[in-house]
Amino acid sequence: MENHAATTHRTALDMLRRYDNVSVRANERWIIEGKIATSAGVSAGIDLALALLSSRWGSVIAESVAENMYRFMSQRLPLRADKQPSASGVLQDSLARAADTCIG
């Protein structure tokens, strides 16, 4: 990460600041700089993942995955283990729908 900007969870910012050659950006949820991507925690990591999807495969794919993530989570409430769809199945369905949207 030498000579790159980075962010991390607020509880680890002081540790990241120990590295003089890293530009710490405490107020950003995620940063993509070339091949280096950092986020400010778990939920910010979801935003980062969607940004990476968007930059690689376009906003249609990223938006489709985000919609399906929202749909998956809204199906999970209230939380009941016996009524949960499979996370891997939902992700596969999301990616298949996103591919269908892009391809045709």
Protein backbone atom coordinates (compact mmCIF):
# COMPACT_ATOMS: atom_id res chain seq x y z
CA MET A 1 0.00 0.00 0.00
CA GLU A 2 3.05 2.20 -0.18
CA ASN A 3 2.23 5.69 -1.51
CA HIS A 4 -1.50 4.91 -1.75
CA ALA A 5 -4.58 6.23 0.00
CA ALA A 6 -6.46 3.90 2.31
CA THR A 7 -9.29 3.77 4.78
CA THR A 8 -10.30 1.33 7.47
CA HIS A 9 -12.75 0.94 10.31
CA ARG A 10 -12.64 3.86 12.73
CA THR A 11 -11.28 1.62 15.49
CA ALA A 12 -8.20 0.79 13.38
CA LEU A 13 -7.42 4.24 11.98
CA ASP A 14 -4.63 4.93 14.49
CA MET A 15 -2.95 1.67 13.55
CA LEU A 16 -3.12 2.58 9.84
CA ARG A 17 -1.69 6.03 10.58
CA ARG A 18 1.50 4.37 11.84
CA TYR A 19 2.51 3.87 8.21
CA ASP A 20 4.05 7.12 6.97
CA ASN A 21 3.76 6.12 3.33
CA VAL A 22 -0.03 5.57 3.45
CA SER A 23 -2.41 8.49 3.02
CA VAL A 24 -5.18 7.76 5.54
CA ARG A 25 -8.62 9.01 4.54
CA ALA A 26 -10.75 8.58 7.63
CA ASN A 27 -13.95 10.08 6.20
CA GLU A 28 -14.30 7.84 3.15
CA ARG A 29 -16.33 4.62 3.12
CA TRP A 30 -14.18 3.01 0.44
CA ILE A 31 -11.24 3.81 -1.80
CA ILE A 32 -10.16 2.20 -5.05
CA GLU A 33 -6.67 3.16 -6.18
CA GLY A 34 -5.41 1.00 -8.99
CA LYS A 35 -5.23 -2.59 -7.75
CA ILE A 36 -5.68 -1.57 -4.11
CA ALA A 37 -9.15 -1.32 -2.59
CA THR A 38 -9.92 -0.59 1.06
CA SER A 39 -13.11 -0.03 3.01
CA ALA A 40 -14.09 1.43 6.36
CA GLY A 41 -15.63 -1.77 7.71
CA VAL A 42 -18.02 -4.56 6.82
CA SER A 43 -21.00 -2.56 5.56
CA ALA A 44 -18.66 -0.21 3.68
CA GLY A 45 -17.12 -3.36 2.19
CA ILE A 46 -20.48 -4.14 0.59
CA ASP A 47 -20.45 -0.68 -1.00
CA LEU A 48 -16.88 -1.31 -2.14
CA ALA A 49 -17.85 -4.66 -3.68
CA LEU A 50 -20.69 -3.00 -5.60
CA ALA A 51 -18.31 -0.26 -6.80
CA LEU A 52 -15.86 -2.91 -7.99
CA LEU A 53 -18.66 -4.76 -9.80
CA SER A 54 -19.73 -1.51 -11.42
CA SER A 55 -16.23 -0.59 -12.56
CA ARG A 56 -15.58 -4.07 -13.99
CA TRP A 57 -18.97 -5.08 -15.40
CA GLY A 58 -21.01 -1.88 -15.38
CA SER A 59 -23.68 -0.26 -13.30
CA VAL A 60 -26.46 -2.54 -14.59
CA ILE A 61 -24.76 -5.56 -13.02
CA ALA A 62 -23.97 -3.73 -9.78
CA GLU A 63 -27.52 -2.40 -9.47
CA SER A 64 -28.99 -5.83 -10.15
CA VAL A 65 -26.82 -7.43 -7.48
CA ALA A 66 -27.73 -4.63 -5.02
CA GLU A 67 -31.44 -5.09 -5.74
CA ASN A 68 -31.19 -8.82 -5.21
CA MET A 69 -29.19 -8.37 -2.01
CA TYR A 70 -31.96 -6.08 -0.74
CA ARG A 71 -34.62 -8.57 -1.82
CA PHE A 72 -32.74 -11.41 -0.13
CA MET A 73 -32.43 -9.47 3.14
CA SER A 74 -36.06 -8.35 3.11
CA GLN A 75 -37.09 -12.01 2.68
CA ARG A 76 -35.09 -12.88 5.79
CA LEU A 77 -37.09 -10.69 8.14
CA PRO A 78 -38.22 -11.81 10.62
CA LEU A 79 -35.25 -14.12 11.00
CA ARG A 80 -36.33 -17.75 11.02
CA ALA A 81 -33.75 -20.40 10.25
CA ASP A 82 -36.31 -22.81 8.79
CA LYS A 83 -37.57 -20.26 6.19
CA GLN A 84 -34.29 -18.87 4.87
CA PRO A 85 -33.36 -19.05 1.19
CA SER A 86 -29.84 -20.22 0.52
CA ALA A 87 -27.41 -17.27 0.27
CA SER A 88 -25.42 -18.99 -2.47
CA GLY A 89 -28.62 -19.76 -4.38
CA VAL A 90 -29.77 -16.14 -4.14
CA LEU A 91 -26.36 -14.91 -5.33
CA GLN A 92 -26.38 -17.35 -8.25
CA ASP A 93 -29.89 -16.20 -9.18
CA SER A 94 -28.80 -12.55 -8.88
CA LEU A 95 -25.82 -13.04 -11.14
CA ALA A 96 -27.88 -15.03 -13.65
CA ARG A 97 -30.52 -12.29 -13.80
CA ALA A 98 -27.83 -9.63 -14.13
CA ALA A 99 -26.19 -11.56 -16.96
CA ASP A 100 -29.55 -11.99 -18.70
CA THR A 101 -30.13 -8.23 -18.40
CA CYS A 102 -26.76 -7.45 -19.98
CA ILE A 103 -26.69 -10.16 -22.61
CA GLY A 104 -30.18 -10.09 -23.68
